[in-house]
């Protein structure tokens, strides 16, 4: 019984492998069809239709010297975080502040505040009660434009500096 089963399985496998062969003539027909299509496309290029429309002439672009280029800063696109903070140590906050550090411990915030004061900044510490974080303010401004300029200068030393709008 086992011998006949194995013989039948072997015979079926042999038939399956031999019956799946593609004939060479099928490949040849596909090759001839592709070759015919390729030669007909090369032999009969289509002529462009004649038009009587006039072609518009474009004036050359005049280059301006670099000293005439005006750069406009779009301060509306600068991101500002809004948080409710309370002053812990410092002279007082205005509307926009530049934050250079955030700490969970007040002692770490005080260390950064001392380094900023040694560098000439009026550094302050504020606390965000919602997140229980101490923020170190390097500078504070009434206007957004001044705060953005200060933040950009501070990013040379503190690359993660960001703007805070104090929600009162």
Protein backbone atom coordinates (compact mmCIF):
# COMPACT_ATOMS: atom_id res chain seq x y z
CA UNK A 1 0.00 0.00 0.00
CA UNK A 2 2.81 2.40 0.90
CA UNK A 3 4.68 1.62 -2.30
CA UNK A 4 1.75 2.45 -4.50
CA UNK A 5 1.06 5.68 -2.62
CA UNK A 6 4.67 6.80 -2.99
CA UNK A 7 4.64 5.79 -6.66
CA UNK A 8 1.45 7.78 -7.30
CA UNK A 9 2.78 10.85 -5.51
CA UNK A 10 6.04 10.67 -7.49
CA UNK A 11 4.15 10.25 -10.75
CA UNK A 12 1.88 13.24 -9.97
CA UNK A 13 4.90 15.39 -9.09
CA UNK A 14 6.66 14.44 -12.32
CA UNK A 15 3.59 15.28 -14.36
CA UNK A 16 3.15 18.59 -12.56
CA UNK A 17 6.73 19.68 -13.22
CA UNK A 18 6.71 18.67 -16.89
CA UNK A 19 3.30 20.15 -17.68
CA UNK A 20 4.15 23.65 -16.34
CA UNK A 21 6.94 24.30 -18.82
CA UNK A 22 6.40 27.26 -21.05
CA UNK A 23 6.98 26.51 -24.65
CA UNK A 24 9.71 28.30 -26.51
CA UNK A 25 7.21 29.32 -29.14
CA UNK A 26 5.27 31.41 -26.59
CA UNK A 27 8.41 33.40 -25.77
CA UNK A 28 9.20 33.77 -29.44
CA UNK A 29 5.70 35.09 -30.21
CA UNK A 30 5.95 37.68 -27.41
CA UNK A 31 9.39 38.75 -28.64
CA UNK A 32 8.20 39.14 -32.23
CA UNK A 33 5.17 41.15 -31.13
CA UNK A 34 7.31 43.53 -29.05
CA UNK A 35 9.83 43.90 -31.88
CA UNK A 36 7.05 44.66 -34.36
CA UNK A 37 5.58 47.30 -32.04
CA UNK A 38 9.00 48.88 -31.53
CA UNK A 39 9.82 49.06 -35.25
CA UNK A 40 6.41 50.47 -36.16
CA UNK A 41 6.81 53.23 -33.58
CA UNK A 42 10.22 54.19 -34.99
CA UNK A 43 9.21 54.09 -38.65
CA UNK A 44 6.10 56.21 -38.43
CA UNK A 45 6.79 59.27 -36.33
CA UNK A 46 3.76 61.46 -36.24
CA UNK A 47 4.10 64.86 -37.80
CA UNK A 48 3.30 67.80 -35.60
CA UNK A 49 0.18 69.66 -36.69
CA UNK A 50 0.82 73.05 -38.20
CA UNK A 51 -0.52 75.89 -36.05
CA UNK A 52 -0.82 79.56 -36.78
CA UNK A 53 -0.69 80.65 -33.14
CA UNK A 54 1.99 83.10 -32.13
CA UNK A 55 4.40 82.03 -29.43
CA UNK A 56 4.56 84.40 -26.48
CA UNK A 57 7.97 85.95 -25.88
CA UNK A 58 9.09 85.98 -22.28
CA UNK A 59 11.24 88.86 -21.11
CA UNK A 60 14.52 87.93 -19.44
CA UNK A 61 14.67 88.06 -15.67
CA UNK A 62 16.66 90.94 -14.29
CA UNK A 63 18.96 89.96 -11.46
CA UNK A 64 19.17 92.36 -8.53
CA UNK A 65 22.32 92.83 -6.53
CA UNK A 66 22.31 91.25 -3.07
CA UNK A 67 22.31 94.65 -1.38
CA UNK A 68 18.80 95.29 -2.70
CA UNK A 69 17.34 92.08 -1.26
CA UNK A 70 14.99 92.63 1.63
CA UNK A 71 14.43 89.94 4.23
CA UNK A 72 11.13 90.02 6.06
CA UNK A 73 10.76 87.98 9.24
CA UNK A 74 7.35 86.47 9.73
CA UNK A 75 7.02 86.57 13.50
CA UNK A 76 3.51 85.17 13.37
CA UNK A 77 4.95 81.72 12.58
CA UNK A 78 7.22 81.58 15.64
CA UNK A 79 5.86 79.06 18.13
CA UNK A 80 5.12 80.25 21.64
CA UNK A 81 4.04 78.03 24.53
CA UNK A 82 1.32 79.34 26.77
CA UNK A 83 1.63 78.36 30.41
CA UNK A 84 0.46 79.73 33.71
CA UNK A 85 3.58 80.30 35.81
CA UNK A 86 4.34 81.98 39.12
CA UNK A 87 7.52 83.89 39.88
CA UNK A 88 9.80 82.08 42.36
CA UNK A 89 12.98 84.15 42.15
CA UNK A 90 13.57 87.29 40.07
CA UNK A 91 12.53 90.84 39.30
CA UNK A 92 9.26 90.14 37.46
CA UNK A 93 7.90 88.85 34.19
CA UNK A 94 6.56 90.60 31.13
CA UNK A 95 4.34 88.97 28.49
CA UNK A 96 7.01 87.01 26.56
CA UNK A 97 9.90 85.18 28.21
CA UNK A 98 12.82 83.19 26.81
CA UNK A 99 13.15 79.88 28.65
CA UNK A 100 16.58 78.20 28.55
CA UNK A 101 16.04 75.38 31.04
CA UNK A 102 13.31 73.33 32.74
CA UNK A 103 13.97 71.35 35.91
CA UNK A 104 12.10 69.22 38.39
CA UNK A 105 14.32 70.43 41.26
CA UNK A 106 14.58 74.07 42.23
CA UNK A 107 18.29 73.63 43.10
CA UNK A 108 19.09 72.75 39.47
CA UNK A 109 17.17 75.80 38.28
CA UNK A 110 19.05 78.01 40.74
CA UNK A 111 22.38 76.70 39.41
CA UNK A 112 21.49 77.69 35.84
CA UNK A 113 20.15 81.04 37.08
CA UNK A 114 23.52 81.81 38.71
CA UNK A 115 25.40 80.95 35.50
CA UNK A 116 23.11 83.23 33.48
CA UNK A 117 23.52 86.08 35.97
CA UNK A 118 27.30 85.67 35.76
CA UNK A 119 26.95 85.98 31.96
CA UNK A 120 25.04 89.27 32.36
CA UNK A 121 21.43 88.14 32.02
CA UNK A 122 18.60 89.11 34.37
CA UNK A 123 17.75 85.45 34.96
CA UNK A 124 14.63 84.46 36.86
CA UNK A 125 12.96 81.27 38.02
CA UNK A 126 9.26 80.57 37.51
CA UNK A 127 7.21 77.52 38.38
CA UNK A 128 4.54 75.80 36.33
CA UNK A 129 2.26 74.30 38.96
CA UNK A 130 0.40 72.12 36.44
CA UNK A 131 3.55 70.28 35.34
CA UNK A 132 5.50 70.80 38.59
CA UNK A 133 8.46 72.19 36.62
CA UNK A 134 10.81 75.05 37.38
CA UNK A 135 11.56 77.16 34.30
CA UNK A 136 14.68 79.33 34.04
CA UNK A 137 13.95 82.61 32.26
CA UNK A 138 16.98 84.23 30.62
CA UNK A 139 15.16 87.38 29.51
CA UNK A 140 11.62 88.73 29.41
CA UNK A 141 10.00 91.19 26.99
CA UNK A 142 6.72 93.00 26.42
CA UNK A 143 6.82 92.38 22.64
CA UNK A 144 7.13 89.16 20.69
CA UNK A 145 9.69 90.50 18.18
CA UNK A 146 12.24 91.36 20.87
CA UNK A 147 11.70 88.00 22.55
CA UNK A 148 12.27 86.15 19.25
CA UNK A 149 15.52 88.04 18.62
CA UNK A 150 16.74 87.28 22.14
CA UNK A 151 15.81 83.60 21.79
CA UNK A 152 17.68 83.35 18.51
CA UNK A 153 20.82 84.82 20.12
CA UNK A 154 20.54 82.52 23.13
CA UNK A 155 20.22 79.44 20.93
CA UNK A 156 23.94 79.71 20.17
CA UNK A 157 24.60 78.68 23.79
CA UNK A 158 21.26 77.06 24.70
CA UNK A 159 19.96 75.29 21.57
CA UNK A 160 16.69 74.26 23.24
CA UNK A 161 15.66 77.81 24.17
CA UNK A 162 11.95 78.51 23.62
CA UNK A 163 9.37 81.26 24.10
CA UNK A 164 6.81 81.35 26.88
CA UNK A 165 3.69 83.49 27.00
CA UNK A 166 2.58 83.85 30.59
CA UNK A 167 -1.14 83.18 30.89
CA UNK A 168 -2.33 85.21 33.84
